[in-house]
N, C-alpha and C. Protein backbone atom coordinates (compact mmCIF):
# COMPACT_ATOMS: atom_id res chain seq x y z
N UNK A 1 0.81 -1.11 0.00
CA UNK A 1 -0.01 0.10 0.00
C UNK A 1 0.99 1.11 0.05
N UNK A 2 0.41 2.18 -0.73
CA UNK A 2 1.48 3.35 -0.69
C UNK A 2 1.14 4.33 0.56
N UNK A 3 2.14 5.12 0.67
CA UNK A 3 1.93 5.97 2.03
C UNK A 3 0.73 6.81 1.91
N UNK A 4 0.45 7.33 0.83
CA UNK A 4 -0.65 8.28 0.45
C UNK A 4 -1.85 7.51 0.72
N UNK A 5 -2.06 6.37 0.30
CA UNK A 5 -3.11 5.47 0.63
C UNK A 5 -3.26 5.25 1.76
N UNK A 6 -2.22 4.85 2.72
CA UNK A 6 -2.35 4.57 4.13
C UNK A 6 -2.84 5.87 4.85
N UNK A 7 -2.26 6.96 4.57
CA UNK A 7 -2.82 8.19 5.40
C UNK A 7 -4.25 8.41 5.04
N UNK A 8 -4.69 8.29 4.03
CA UNK A 8 -6.09 8.58 3.52
C UNK A 8 -6.91 7.32 4.38
N UNK A 9 -6.50 6.31 4.40
CA UNK A 9 -7.17 5.11 5.02
C UNK A 9 -7.20 5.34 6.54
N UNK A 10 -6.15 5.70 7.21
CA UNK A 10 -5.94 5.94 8.60
C UNK A 10 -6.71 7.17 9.07
N UNK A 11 -6.66 8.25 8.21
CA UNK A 11 -7.70 9.28 8.51
C UNK A 11 -9.05 9.03 8.53
N UNK A 12 -9.45 8.35 7.40
CA UNK A 12 -10.86 8.21 7.31
C UNK A 12 -11.37 7.22 8.38
N UNK A 13 -10.51 6.30 8.89
CA UNK A 13 -10.77 5.42 10.04
C UNK A 13 -10.96 6.24 11.19
N UNK A 14 -10.09 7.18 11.42
CA UNK A 14 -10.27 8.12 12.64
C UNK A 14 -11.62 8.74 12.72
N UNK A 15 -11.77 9.49 11.39
CA UNK A 15 -12.98 10.45 11.27
C UNK A 15 -14.37 9.74 11.08
N UNK A 16 -14.31 8.48 10.76
CA UNK A 16 -15.57 7.63 10.88
C UNK A 16 -15.56 6.85 11.95
N UNK A 17 -14.66 6.87 12.96
CA UNK A 17 -14.85 6.22 14.34
C UNK A 17 -14.83 4.60 13.91
N UNK A 18 -13.80 4.27 13.20
CA UNK A 18 -13.65 2.80 12.78
C UNK A 18 -12.29 2.15 13.24
N UNK A 19 -12.24 1.61 14.55
CA UNK A 19 -11.01 1.17 14.89
C UNK A 19 -10.43 -0.13 14.00
N UNK A 20 -11.47 -0.92 13.49
CA UNK A 20 -11.00 -1.97 12.73
C UNK A 20 -10.23 -1.53 11.49
N UNK A 21 -10.80 -0.30 10.90
CA UNK A 21 -9.99 0.21 9.81
C UNK A 21 -8.70 0.55 10.06
N UNK A 22 -8.57 1.44 11.29
CA UNK A 22 -7.29 1.87 11.72
C UNK A 22 -6.16 0.84 12.12
N UNK A 23 -6.76 -0.10 12.72
CA UNK A 23 -5.89 -1.31 13.09
C UNK A 23 -5.61 -2.19 12.01
N UNK A 24 -6.24 -2.30 10.90
CA UNK A 24 -5.73 -3.06 9.87
C UNK A 24 -4.35 -2.87 9.39
N UNK A 25 -3.81 -1.81 9.78
CA UNK A 25 -2.43 -1.30 9.23
C UNK A 25 -1.39 -1.75 10.44
N UNK A 26 -1.77 -2.26 11.51
CA UNK A 26 -0.86 -2.63 12.56
C UNK A 26 -0.80 -4.26 12.66
N UNK A 27 0.62 -4.41 13.10
CA UNK A 27 0.97 -6.00 13.13
C UNK A 27 0.72 -6.27 14.53
N UNK A 28 0.48 -7.57 14.99
CA UNK A 28 0.26 -7.93 16.42
C UNK A 28 1.17 -7.34 17.41
N UNK A 29 2.38 -7.21 16.93
CA UNK A 29 3.57 -6.65 17.88
C UNK A 29 3.63 -5.14 17.86
N UNK A 30 2.80 -4.22 17.21
CA UNK A 30 2.93 -2.97 17.16
C UNK A 30 3.42 -2.36 18.55
N UNK A 31 3.75 -0.95 18.51
CA UNK A 31 3.93 -0.15 19.56
C UNK A 31 3.48 1.19 19.10
N UNK A 32 2.75 1.52 20.17
CA UNK A 32 2.14 3.17 20.19
C UNK A 32 2.60 3.88 21.34
N UNK A 33 3.20 5.04 20.97
CA UNK A 33 3.67 5.87 21.96
C UNK A 33 3.14 7.34 21.83
N UNK A 34 2.36 7.83 22.85
CA UNK A 34 1.81 9.05 22.69
C UNK A 34 1.49 9.92 24.21
N UNK A 35 1.40 11.15 24.33
CA UNK A 35 1.09 11.74 25.51
C UNK A 35 -0.41 11.37 25.87
N UNK A 36 -1.22 11.05 24.68
CA UNK A 36 -2.48 10.84 24.94
C UNK A 36 -2.74 9.62 25.78
N UNK A 37 -1.75 8.56 25.84
CA UNK A 37 -2.03 7.52 26.70
C UNK A 37 -2.03 7.88 28.19
N UNK A 38 -1.00 8.68 28.46
CA UNK A 38 -0.84 9.38 29.89
C UNK A 38 -2.14 10.18 30.13
N UNK A 39 -2.75 10.92 29.17
CA UNK A 39 -4.10 11.48 29.54
C UNK A 39 -5.28 10.89 29.76
N UNK A 40 -5.15 9.54 28.99
CA UNK A 40 -6.27 8.81 29.16
C UNK A 40 -6.20 7.53 30.24
N UNK A 41 -5.06 7.85 31.00
CA UNK A 41 -5.02 6.79 32.19
C UNK A 41 -4.30 5.55 31.62
N UNK A 42 -3.53 5.63 30.69
CA UNK A 42 -2.89 4.56 30.15
C UNK A 42 -1.52 4.25 30.92
N UNK A 43 -0.61 3.51 30.53
CA UNK A 43 0.56 3.17 31.06
C UNK A 43 1.49 4.45 31.50
N UNK A 44 2.26 4.29 32.58
CA UNK A 44 3.13 5.33 33.03
C UNK A 44 4.32 5.87 32.18
N UNK A 45 4.37 5.02 31.27
CA UNK A 45 5.55 5.21 30.41
C UNK A 45 5.03 5.83 28.86
N UNK A 46 3.84 6.09 28.83
CA UNK A 46 3.09 6.45 27.53
C UNK A 46 2.83 5.67 26.28
N UNK A 47 3.36 4.30 26.65
CA UNK A 47 3.46 3.43 25.54
C UNK A 47 2.37 2.04 25.73
N UNK A 48 1.80 2.00 24.48
CA UNK A 48 0.71 0.83 24.54
C UNK A 48 1.54 -0.26 23.39
N UNK A 49 1.44 -1.41 23.89
CA UNK A 49 2.18 -2.57 23.39
C UNK A 49 1.17 -3.43 22.79
N UNK A 50 1.19 -3.94 21.50
CA UNK A 50 0.41 -5.07 20.94
C UNK A 50 -0.94 -4.46 20.27
N UNK A 51 -1.17 -5.02 19.14
CA UNK A 51 -2.45 -4.75 18.30
C UNK A 51 -3.90 -4.66 19.39
N UNK A 52 -3.87 -5.56 20.01
CA UNK A 52 -5.06 -5.76 20.87
C UNK A 52 -5.23 -4.53 21.88
N UNK A 53 -4.20 -4.20 22.47
CA UNK A 53 -4.21 -3.19 23.46
C UNK A 53 -4.35 -1.81 22.87
N UNK A 54 -3.63 -1.65 21.60
CA UNK A 54 -3.80 -0.35 20.83
C UNK A 54 -5.21 -0.30 20.45
N UNK A 55 -5.90 -1.26 20.08
CA UNK A 55 -7.16 -1.24 19.58
C UNK A 55 -8.14 -0.81 20.85
N UNK A 56 -7.79 -1.17 22.07
CA UNK A 56 -8.53 -0.79 23.25
C UNK A 56 -8.45 0.60 23.48
N UNK A 57 -7.09 1.00 23.38
CA UNK A 57 -6.75 2.56 23.68
C UNK A 57 -7.60 3.52 22.69
N UNK A 58 -7.58 3.05 21.23
CA UNK A 58 -8.58 3.85 20.30
C UNK A 58 -9.78 3.81 20.74
N UNK A 59 -10.40 2.69 21.07
CA UNK A 59 -11.74 2.68 21.46
C UNK A 59 -12.23 3.61 22.66
N UNK A 60 -11.10 3.66 23.86
CA UNK A 60 -11.36 4.65 24.78
C UNK A 60 -11.25 6.07 24.26
N UNK A 61 -10.29 6.23 23.41
CA UNK A 61 -10.46 7.72 22.82
C UNK A 61 -11.76 8.18 22.11
N UNK A 62 -12.35 7.28 21.59
CA UNK A 62 -13.54 7.51 20.92
C UNK A 62 -14.56 7.61 21.81
N UNK A 63 -14.49 6.91 22.89
CA UNK A 63 -15.69 7.02 24.04
C UNK A 63 -15.48 8.30 24.84
N UNK A 64 -14.26 8.75 24.93
CA UNK A 64 -14.02 9.98 25.85
C UNK A 64 -14.17 11.15 24.98
N UNK A 65 -13.88 11.23 23.75
CA UNK A 65 -14.17 12.26 22.93
C UNK A 65 -15.05 12.16 21.57
N UNK A 66 -16.22 11.91 21.89
CA UNK A 66 -17.07 11.59 20.58
C UNK A 66 -17.30 12.29 19.62
N UNK A 67 -16.73 13.70 19.57
CA UNK A 67 -16.80 14.53 18.52
C UNK A 67 -15.32 14.53 17.90
N UNK A 68 -14.32 13.93 18.16
CA UNK A 68 -12.92 13.73 17.93
C UNK A 68 -12.91 13.64 16.46
N UNK A 69 -12.05 14.59 15.65
CA UNK A 69 -11.91 14.61 14.29
C UNK A 69 -10.59 15.15 13.97
N UNK A 70 -9.87 14.65 12.98
CA UNK A 70 -8.31 14.86 12.62
C UNK A 70 -8.72 15.73 11.30
N UNK A 71 -7.95 16.63 11.37
CA UNK A 71 -7.72 17.84 10.09
C UNK A 71 -6.09 17.75 9.61
N UNK A 72 -5.68 17.10 8.43
CA UNK A 72 -4.61 16.96 8.18
C UNK A 72 -3.94 18.12 7.65
N UNK A 73 -2.83 18.73 8.11
CA UNK A 73 -2.30 19.97 7.67
C UNK A 73 -1.09 19.69 6.56
N UNK A 74 -0.25 18.42 6.75
CA UNK A 74 0.76 18.19 5.90
C UNK A 74 1.29 16.80 6.06
N UNK A 75 1.83 16.15 5.02
CA UNK A 75 2.24 14.54 5.28
C UNK A 75 3.58 14.95 4.68
N UNK A 76 4.58 14.09 5.24
CA UNK A 76 5.97 14.05 4.95
C UNK A 76 6.24 12.58 4.77
N UNK A 77 6.88 12.26 3.59
CA UNK A 77 7.01 10.81 3.22
C UNK A 77 8.55 10.44 3.15
N UNK A 78 9.01 9.52 4.02
CA UNK A 78 10.28 8.76 3.69
C UNK A 78 10.15 7.38 3.41
N UNK A 79 11.17 6.78 2.91
CA UNK A 79 11.08 5.50 2.44
C UNK A 79 10.40 4.22 3.44
N UNK A 80 10.56 4.36 4.75
CA UNK A 80 9.83 3.35 5.58
C UNK A 80 9.42 4.21 6.75
N UNK A 81 8.88 5.43 6.38
CA UNK A 81 8.21 6.17 7.44
C UNK A 81 7.32 7.41 6.85
N UNK A 82 6.10 7.45 7.57
CA UNK A 82 5.42 8.83 7.18
C UNK A 82 5.09 9.62 8.29
N UNK A 83 5.27 10.91 8.26
CA UNK A 83 5.03 11.79 9.18
C UNK A 83 4.02 12.85 8.65
N UNK A 84 2.84 12.70 9.79
CA UNK A 84 1.56 13.22 9.47
C UNK A 84 1.38 14.40 10.59
N UNK A 85 1.14 15.69 10.08
CA UNK A 85 0.97 16.74 10.79
C UNK A 85 -0.64 17.16 10.85
N UNK A 86 -1.25 17.16 11.87
CA UNK A 86 -2.68 17.27 11.84
C UNK A 86 -3.16 18.11 13.27
N UNK A 87 -4.64 18.72 12.94
CA UNK A 87 -5.16 19.17 14.23
C UNK A 87 -6.24 18.05 14.68
N UNK A 88 -5.96 18.09 16.00
CA UNK A 88 -7.46 17.35 16.44
C UNK A 88 -8.44 18.18 17.14
N UNK A 89 -9.59 18.04 16.36
CA UNK A 89 -10.93 18.76 16.76
C UNK A 89 -11.59 17.97 17.71
N UNK A 90 -12.64 18.42 18.53
CA UNK A 90 -13.30 18.03 19.43
C UNK A 90 -12.84 17.50 20.52
N UNK A 91 -11.68 17.83 20.82
CA UNK A 91 -11.10 17.39 21.98
C UNK A 91 -10.96 18.30 23.52
N UNK A 92 -10.07 19.35 23.30
CA UNK A 92 -10.04 20.19 24.43
C UNK A 92 -10.27 21.71 24.10
N UNK A 93 -9.63 22.00 22.86
CA UNK A 93 -9.44 23.33 22.45
C UNK A 93 -10.54 23.90 21.37
N UNK A 94 -10.98 25.14 21.18
CA UNK A 94 -11.60 25.45 19.88
C UNK A 94 -10.62 25.24 18.98
N UNK A 95 -9.37 25.98 19.05
CA UNK A 95 -8.55 26.03 18.22
C UNK A 95 -7.40 25.32 18.67
N UNK A 96 -7.33 24.01 18.06
CA UNK A 96 -6.16 23.00 18.70
C UNK A 96 -4.92 23.35 18.16
N UNK A 97 -3.95 23.05 18.91
CA UNK A 97 -2.55 23.01 18.34
C UNK A 97 -2.19 21.98 17.18
N UNK A 98 -0.98 21.93 16.90
CA UNK A 98 -0.60 20.81 16.01
C UNK A 98 -0.29 19.51 16.70
N UNK A 99 -0.62 18.30 16.08
CA UNK A 99 0.05 17.11 16.54
C UNK A 99 0.73 16.56 15.54
N UNK A 100 1.92 16.00 15.59
CA UNK A 100 2.84 15.29 14.85
C UNK A 100 2.73 13.87 15.02
N UNK A 101 2.48 13.09 14.11
CA UNK A 101 2.45 11.58 14.22
C UNK A 101 3.43 10.87 13.24
N UNK A 102 4.37 9.97 13.95
CA UNK A 102 5.22 9.30 13.04
C UNK A 102 4.68 7.90 12.90
N UNK A 103 4.74 7.37 11.80
CA UNK A 103 4.64 6.13 11.47
C UNK A 103 5.94 5.32 11.02
N UNK A 104 6.34 4.20 11.67
CA UNK A 104 7.43 3.69 11.08
C UNK A 104 7.02 2.38 10.53
N UNK A 105 7.23 2.02 9.48
CA UNK A 105 6.79 0.69 8.56
C UNK A 105 7.57 -0.42 8.55
N UNK A 106 7.11 -1.65 8.80
CA UNK A 106 7.90 -2.84 8.60
C UNK A 106 6.98 -3.74 7.85
N UNK A 107 7.46 -4.34 6.70
CA UNK A 107 6.63 -5.22 5.81
C UNK A 107 5.13 -4.57 5.62
N UNK A 108 5.15 -3.39 5.18
CA UNK A 108 4.07 -2.56 4.82
C UNK A 108 3.01 -2.34 5.91
N UNK A 109 3.33 -2.56 7.22
CA UNK A 109 2.58 -2.41 8.45
C UNK A 109 3.17 -1.37 9.40
N UNK A 110 2.34 -0.78 10.12
CA UNK A 110 2.89 0.10 10.95
C UNK A 110 3.52 -0.57 12.40
N UNK A 111 4.82 -0.66 12.37
CA UNK A 111 5.31 -1.23 13.46
C UNK A 111 5.43 -0.43 14.73
N UNK A 112 6.03 0.83 14.49
CA UNK A 112 5.87 1.79 15.63
C UNK A 112 5.27 3.21 15.19
N UNK A 113 4.43 3.61 16.05
CA UNK A 113 3.76 5.00 15.97
C UNK A 113 3.92 5.93 17.10
N UNK A 114 4.42 6.91 16.79
CA UNK A 114 4.91 7.91 17.82
C UNK A 114 4.11 9.16 17.63
N UNK A 115 3.54 9.50 18.66
CA UNK A 115 2.73 11.03 18.69
C UNK A 115 3.55 11.96 19.56
N UNK A 116 3.60 13.43 18.92
CA UNK A 116 4.43 14.35 19.54
C UNK A 116 3.09 15.54 19.53
N UNK A 117 3.03 16.11 20.59
CA UNK A 117 2.04 17.32 20.60
C UNK A 117 2.97 18.69 20.69
N UNK A 118 2.47 19.64 20.11
CA UNK A 118 2.96 20.92 19.85
C UNK A 118 2.73 21.69 21.15
N UNK A 119 3.60 22.71 21.46
CA UNK A 119 3.50 23.66 22.62
C UNK A 119 2.00 23.91 22.74
N UNK A 120 1.35 24.32 21.41
CA UNK A 120 -0.09 24.93 21.64
C UNK A 120 -0.97 23.82 22.17
N UNK A 121 -0.71 22.49 21.73
CA UNK A 121 -1.67 21.32 22.14
C UNK A 121 -1.44 21.17 23.58
N UNK A 122 -0.25 21.03 24.06
CA UNK A 122 0.09 20.70 25.31
C UNK A 122 -0.58 21.95 26.30
N UNK A 123 -0.56 23.28 25.96
CA UNK A 123 -1.20 24.36 26.64
C UNK A 123 -2.71 24.19 26.73
N UNK A 124 -3.31 23.75 25.47
CA UNK A 124 -4.94 23.58 25.25
C UNK A 124 -5.13 22.46 26.53
N UNK A 125 -4.40 21.50 26.55
CA UNK A 125 -4.72 20.37 27.59
C UNK A 125 -4.60 20.97 28.89
N UNK A 126 -3.73 21.84 29.32
CA UNK A 126 -3.61 22.37 30.59
C UNK A 126 -4.66 23.42 30.92
N UNK A 127 -5.09 24.09 29.95
CA UNK A 127 -6.36 24.97 30.03
C UNK A 127 -7.38 24.31 30.40
N UNK A 128 -7.62 23.09 29.63
CA UNK A 128 -8.83 22.30 29.99
C UNK A 128 -8.84 21.67 31.27
N UNK A 129 -7.75 21.26 31.89
CA UNK A 129 -7.63 20.78 33.29
C UNK A 129 -7.77 21.93 34.37
N UNK A 130 -7.57 23.01 33.95
CA UNK A 130 -7.57 24.29 35.01
C UNK A 130 -9.09 24.76 35.09
N UNK A 131 -9.86 24.50 34.23
CA UNK A 131 -11.29 25.05 33.92
C UNK A 131 -12.05 24.29 34.70
């Protein structure tokens, strides 16, 4: 599958709230690392390991944020990696900051997925906690 098709399918999976569609791109031993893991009460190291646990984490995100929607700003492609820069709507802020998500591929599947929040995104989370 091309990186373009992967990003399109991943985005449609999130925006249609379809964890099976999202997870069709991950092998059983995938690793997901994100500040969201900490924010949703996951592991203390911010890492979720294995397709089954990543799927459960995704379902919890949909439950917690029923209006969650991603809007892609940019995509950077590398031979075995895709970097997606996007905004998450329906989470904490009216105007969310940028999120950067790095997908590392092995055998055309996402072996490792790392999420980084911009300073704006982090600040919006803290404002939500203090309200």
